[in-house]
């Protein structure tokens, strides 16, 4: 599976399970790998909105990529 296959798979996960923060978080990680930083920030914000406990993880792993609040 390459990164674009992963992106399609996680997009499907987000569609099927829109309340699962880990799906958004995983999609953001793939988007960072392919250089889609703005889109990754949107997915990270959604992940934190769904699970505020992810805020510290997002900050540690992605730093200034997003102001996830």
C-alpha atoms as a PDB file:
ATOM      1  CA  UNK A   1       0.000   0.000   0.000  1.00  0.00           C
ATOM      2  CA  UNK A   2       1.441   3.373  -0.962  1.00  0.00           C
ATOM      3  CA  UNK A   3       0.626   6.728   0.596  1.00  0.00           C
ATOM      4  CA  UNK A   4      -2.122   7.494  -1.915  1.00  0.00           C
ATOM      5  CA  UNK A   5      -3.786   4.157  -1.214  1.00  0.00           C
ATOM      6  CA  UNK A   6      -3.538   5.006   2.482  1.00  0.00           C
ATOM      7  CA  UNK A   7      -5.116   8.392   1.849  1.00  0.00           C
ATOM      8  CA  UNK A   8      -8.050   6.756   0.057  1.00  0.00           C
ATOM      9  CA  UNK A   9      -8.421   4.177   2.819  1.00  0.00           C
ATOM     10  CA  UNK A  10      -8.474   6.777   5.592  1.00  0.00           C
ATOM     11  CA  UNK A  11     -10.872   8.972   3.622  1.00  0.00           C
ATOM     12  CA  UNK A  12     -13.183   5.962   3.551  1.00  0.00           C
ATOM     13  CA  UNK A  13     -12.722   5.435   7.288  1.00  0.00           C
ATOM     14  CA  UNK A  14     -13.639   9.071   7.964  1.00  0.00           C
ATOM     15  CA  UNK A  15     -16.719   8.724   5.755  1.00  0.00           C
ATOM     16  CA  UNK A  16     -17.846   5.540   7.501  1.00  0.00           C
ATOM     17  CA  UNK A  17     -16.960   6.604  11.051  1.00  0.00           C
ATOM     18  CA  UNK A  18     -17.121  10.410  11.223  1.00  0.00           C
ATOM     19  CA  UNK A  19     -17.233  10.371  15.028  1.00  0.00           C
ATOM     20  CA  UNK A  20     -13.894   8.501  15.363  1.00  0.00           C
ATOM     21  CA  UNK A  21     -11.097  10.986  16.054  1.00  0.00           C
ATOM     22  CA  UNK A  22      -8.355   8.482  15.220  1.00  0.00           C
ATOM     23  CA  UNK A  23      -9.543   8.317  11.617  1.00  0.00           C
ATOM     24  CA  UNK A  24      -9.049  12.063  11.209  1.00  0.00           C
ATOM     25  CA  UNK A  25      -5.702  11.887  12.983  1.00  0.00           C
ATOM     26  CA  UNK A  26      -4.462   9.082  10.703  1.00  0.00           C
ATOM     27  CA  UNK A  27      -5.657  10.934   7.605  1.00  0.00           C
ATOM     28  CA  UNK A  28      -3.760  14.023   8.766  1.00  0.00           C
ATOM     29  CA  UNK A  29      -0.564  12.003   9.120  1.00  0.00           C
ATOM     30  CA  UNK A  30      -0.873  10.736   5.543  1.00  0.00           C
ATOM     31  CA  UNK A  31      -1.620  14.244   4.277  1.00  0.00           C
ATOM     32  CA  UNK A  32       1.561  15.530   5.923  1.00  0.00           C
ATOM     33  CA  UNK A  33       3.569  12.828   4.150  1.00  0.00           C
ATOM     34  CA  UNK A  34       2.199  13.920   0.756  1.00  0.00           C
ATOM     35  CA  UNK A  35       2.795  17.596   1.557  1.00  0.00           C
ATOM     36  CA  UNK A  36      -0.829  18.665   2.028  1.00  0.00           C
ATOM     37  CA  UNK A  37      -0.216  20.677   5.190  1.00  0.00           C
ATOM     38  CA  UNK A  38      -3.332  22.845   5.036  1.00  0.00           C
ATOM     39  CA  UNK A  39      -5.615  19.845   4.624  1.00  0.00           C
ATOM     40  CA  UNK A  40      -3.735  18.017   7.377  1.00  0.00           C
ATOM     41  CA  UNK A  41      -4.386  20.929   9.718  1.00  0.00           C
ATOM     42  CA  UNK A  42      -8.116  20.703   9.039  1.00  0.00           C
ATOM     43  CA  UNK A  43      -8.138  16.983   9.849  1.00  0.00           C
ATOM     44  CA  UNK A  44      -6.098  17.553  13.005  1.00  0.00           C
ATOM     45  CA  UNK A  45      -8.523  20.209  14.177  1.00  0.00           C
ATOM     46  CA  UNK A  46     -11.409  17.801  13.639  1.00  0.00           C
ATOM     47  CA  UNK A  47      -9.577  15.059  15.544  1.00  0.00           C
ATOM     48  CA  UNK A  48      -9.074  17.385  18.515  1.00  0.00           C
ATOM     49  CA  UNK A  49     -12.655  18.607  18.340  1.00  0.00           C
ATOM     50  CA  UNK A  50     -13.886  15.018  18.550  1.00  0.00           C
ATOM     51  CA  UNK A  51     -11.345  14.018  21.212  1.00  0.00           C
ATOM     52  CA  UNK A  52      -9.873  16.929  23.196  1.00  0.00           C
ATOM     53  CA  UNK A  53      -7.418  14.497  24.801  1.00  0.00           C
ATOM     54  CA  UNK A  54      -5.596  14.412  21.449  1.00  0.00           C
ATOM     55  CA  UNK A  55      -4.537  18.064  21.833  1.00  0.00           C
ATOM     56  CA  UNK A  56      -1.240  17.186  23.554  1.00  0.00           C
ATOM     57  CA  UNK A  57      -0.433  14.468  21.009  1.00  0.00           C
ATOM     58  CA  UNK A  58      -1.146  16.806  18.100  1.00  0.00           C
ATOM     59  CA  UNK A  59       1.009  19.540  19.644  1.00  0.00           C
ATOM     60  CA  UNK A  60       3.879  17.134  20.309  1.00  0.00           C
ATOM     61  CA  UNK A  61       3.823  15.511  16.892  1.00  0.00           C
ATOM     62  CA  UNK A  62       2.868  18.404  14.636  1.00  0.00           C
ATOM     63  CA  UNK A  63       3.880  21.517  16.572  1.00  0.00           C
ATOM     64  CA  UNK A  64       2.851  24.655  14.733  1.00  0.00           C
ATOM     65  CA  UNK A  65       0.954  22.879  11.931  1.00  0.00           C
ATOM     66  CA  UNK A  66      -2.360  23.762  13.490  1.00  0.00           C
ATOM     67  CA  UNK A  67      -3.897  25.765  16.285  1.00  0.00           C
ATOM     68  CA  UNK A  68      -6.077  22.805  17.205  1.00  0.00           C
ATOM     69  CA  UNK A  69      -8.321  24.005  19.990  1.00  0.00           C
END
